[in-house]
C-alpha cells in the first residue's frame, strides 16, 4: 500500500504523471461544429491528505476536430486514477491536458463534482479553446 506522504509528494510533479493513453478515432464530420458530452458517474481517486477514496462525477464536453475520444481507452484511463492521490484541482487540469493532447479538439471542458467530504462539496471546472492562450 502506498503511504499518504507519497500521495502528497506527487502533487509537485502531477503534470509529469504517466497515465494510460487515450485513443482516438477519425471524425467523419470534422467540418461540422457539434458537441460531444461524456459523463463518468463512478470516478474514484485517492485523497492525498487522508489516503481515503474520493468519489466523483466527471463530465467532459468537447467540440471535436479531426478525431474523437475513444471510450474504452478513456474508461481505462479513468480507472488508473483509483490508485492515485490527487487534489481535485490537479485532477481536473490533468484530465483536461490529457484529453486535449489526445484529441486536439476545437474546445473542451472538464467538470468534476466531488462527493462531499467533511461536509464540503467541491466542484472544479477547466476549459480549453483552440488557439487561446
Protein backbone atom coordinates (compact mmCIF):
# COMPACT_ATOMS: atom_id res chain seq x y z
CA UNK A 1 0.00 0.00 0.00
CA UNK A 2 1.26 3.49 -0.85
CA UNK A 3 1.80 5.81 2.09
CA UNK A 4 -0.14 9.06 2.45
CA UNK A 5 3.08 11.08 2.32
CA UNK A 6 3.85 9.69 -1.15
CA UNK A 7 0.45 10.92 -2.31
CA UNK A 8 1.27 14.39 -1.00
CA UNK A 9 4.67 14.32 -2.74
CA UNK A 10 3.02 13.51 -6.07
CA UNK A 11 1.32 16.92 -6.22
CA UNK A 12 4.58 18.71 -7.11
CA UNK A 13 5.09 16.55 -10.21
CA UNK A 14 1.46 15.94 -11.19
CA UNK A 15 1.96 17.35 -14.70
CA UNK A 16 4.51 14.59 -15.35
CA UNK A 17 2.27 11.78 -14.04
CA UNK A 18 2.45 8.92 -16.57
CA UNK A 19 -1.13 7.99 -17.43
CA UNK A 20 -2.51 5.37 -19.83
CA UNK A 21 -3.01 6.60 -23.41
CA UNK A 22 -6.37 7.86 -24.59
CA UNK A 23 -7.05 6.55 -28.08
CA UNK A 24 -8.98 8.42 -30.76
CA UNK A 25 -10.84 7.60 -33.96
CA UNK A 26 -11.34 9.58 -37.17
CA UNK A 27 -14.25 12.02 -37.12
CA UNK A 28 -16.20 11.72 -40.38
CA UNK A 29 -17.97 15.03 -39.65
CA UNK A 30 -14.90 17.12 -38.82
CA UNK A 31 -16.24 20.08 -40.83
CA UNK A 32 -19.34 20.29 -38.61
CA UNK A 33 -19.37 22.11 -35.29
CA UNK A 34 -21.05 19.82 -32.74
CA UNK A 35 -20.61 18.93 -29.07
CA UNK A 36 -19.99 15.53 -27.52
CA UNK A 37 -20.98 15.12 -23.86
CA UNK A 38 -19.37 12.33 -21.82
CA UNK A 39 -20.23 11.56 -18.22
CA UNK A 40 -18.36 9.23 -15.88
CA UNK A 41 -20.58 8.82 -12.79
CA UNK A 42 -18.38 6.35 -10.87
CA UNK A 43 -14.99 8.04 -10.89
CA UNK A 44 -12.70 7.41 -7.92
CA UNK A 45 -9.29 8.64 -6.85
CA UNK A 46 -7.47 8.98 -3.53
CA UNK A 47 -7.42 11.95 -1.17
CA UNK A 48 -3.74 12.91 -0.90
CA UNK A 49 -4.20 14.10 2.68
CA UNK A 50 -6.06 11.13 4.20
CA UNK A 51 -5.34 8.27 1.77
CA UNK A 52 -9.09 7.58 1.65
CA UNK A 53 -11.06 7.21 -1.59
CA UNK A 54 -12.72 10.23 -3.19
CA UNK A 55 -15.78 9.69 -5.38
CA UNK A 56 -16.85 11.99 -8.19
CA UNK A 57 -18.86 12.56 -11.34
CA UNK A 58 -16.63 13.60 -14.23
CA UNK A 59 -18.17 15.44 -17.18
CA UNK A 60 -16.30 16.05 -20.41
CA UNK A 61 -17.83 18.24 -23.12
CA UNK A 62 -15.96 18.91 -26.35
CA UNK A 63 -16.19 20.06 -29.95
CA UNK A 64 -14.17 17.53 -31.91
CA UNK A 65 -11.83 18.37 -34.74
CA UNK A 66 -10.29 15.63 -36.87
CA UNK A 67 -10.69 12.92 -34.19
CA UNK A 68 -12.94 11.87 -31.32
CA UNK A 69 -12.05 10.32 -27.97
CA UNK A 70 -12.36 6.52 -27.94
CA UNK A 71 -14.49 5.48 -24.97
CA UNK A 72 -12.90 2.16 -23.94
CA UNK A 73 -9.46 3.73 -23.63
CA UNK A 74 -11.00 6.72 -21.82
CA UNK A 75 -12.56 4.30 -19.31
CA UNK A 76 -9.20 2.56 -18.77
CA UNK A 77 -7.57 5.96 -18.40
CA UNK A 78 -10.04 6.98 -15.67
CA UNK A 79 -9.72 3.65 -13.82
CA UNK A 80 -5.99 4.39 -13.48
CA UNK A 81 -6.83 7.19 -11.02
CA UNK A 82 -8.28 4.74 -8.47
CA UNK A 83 -4.78 4.38 -7.00
CA UNK A 84 -3.66 8.00 -7.45
CA UNK A 85 -3.65 10.53 -4.63
CA UNK A 86 -4.53 13.82 -6.27
CA UNK A 87 -6.04 17.15 -5.29
CA UNK A 88 -9.36 17.90 -7.02
CA UNK A 89 -7.95 20.97 -8.76
CA UNK A 90 -4.99 19.00 -10.10
CA UNK A 91 -7.27 16.19 -11.24
CA UNK A 92 -9.41 18.47 -13.39
CA UNK A 93 -6.42 20.12 -15.03
CA UNK A 94 -4.65 16.79 -15.65
CA UNK A 95 -7.81 15.35 -17.25
CA UNK A 96 -8.09 18.45 -19.42
CA UNK A 97 -4.44 18.32 -20.50
CA UNK A 98 -4.57 14.62 -21.38
CA UNK A 99 -7.87 14.83 -23.31
CA UNK A 100 -6.67 17.88 -25.27
CA UNK A 101 -3.37 16.16 -26.05
CA UNK A 102 -5.18 13.06 -27.34
CA UNK A 103 -7.98 14.67 -29.37
CA UNK A 104 -6.79 18.19 -30.24
CA UNK A 105 -10.40 19.44 -30.11
CA UNK A 106 -11.75 22.85 -31.05
CA UNK A 107 -12.99 23.26 -27.48
CA UNK A 108 -13.07 21.02 -24.40
CA UNK A 109 -14.35 21.44 -20.84
CA UNK A 110 -13.85 19.12 -17.90
CA UNK A 111 -16.12 19.48 -14.87
CA UNK A 112 -15.70 17.34 -11.77
CA UNK A 113 -18.24 17.21 -8.94
CA UNK A 114 -16.73 15.51 -5.90
CA UNK A 115 -18.91 13.80 -3.33
CA UNK A 116 -18.93 15.78 -0.07
CA UNK A 117 -16.13 15.02 2.37
CA UNK A 118 -16.14 16.56 5.82
CA UNK A 119 -19.33 18.42 4.93
CA UNK A 120 -17.73 20.25 1.99
CA UNK A 121 -18.82 19.77 -1.60
CA UNK A 122 -16.21 20.57 -4.27
CA UNK A 123 -16.81 21.24 -7.96
CA UNK A 124 -13.96 22.20 -10.28
CA UNK A 125 -14.04 23.09 -14.00
CA UNK A 126 -11.29 23.76 -16.52
CA UNK A 127 -11.67 24.71 -20.17
CA UNK A 128 -9.58 24.71 -23.34
CA UNK A 129 -10.28 26.65 -26.54
CA UNK A 130 -8.25 26.02 -29.67
CA UNK A 131 -5.89 28.89 -30.34
CA UNK A 132 -6.45 30.57 -26.97
CA UNK A 133 -3.57 31.20 -24.58
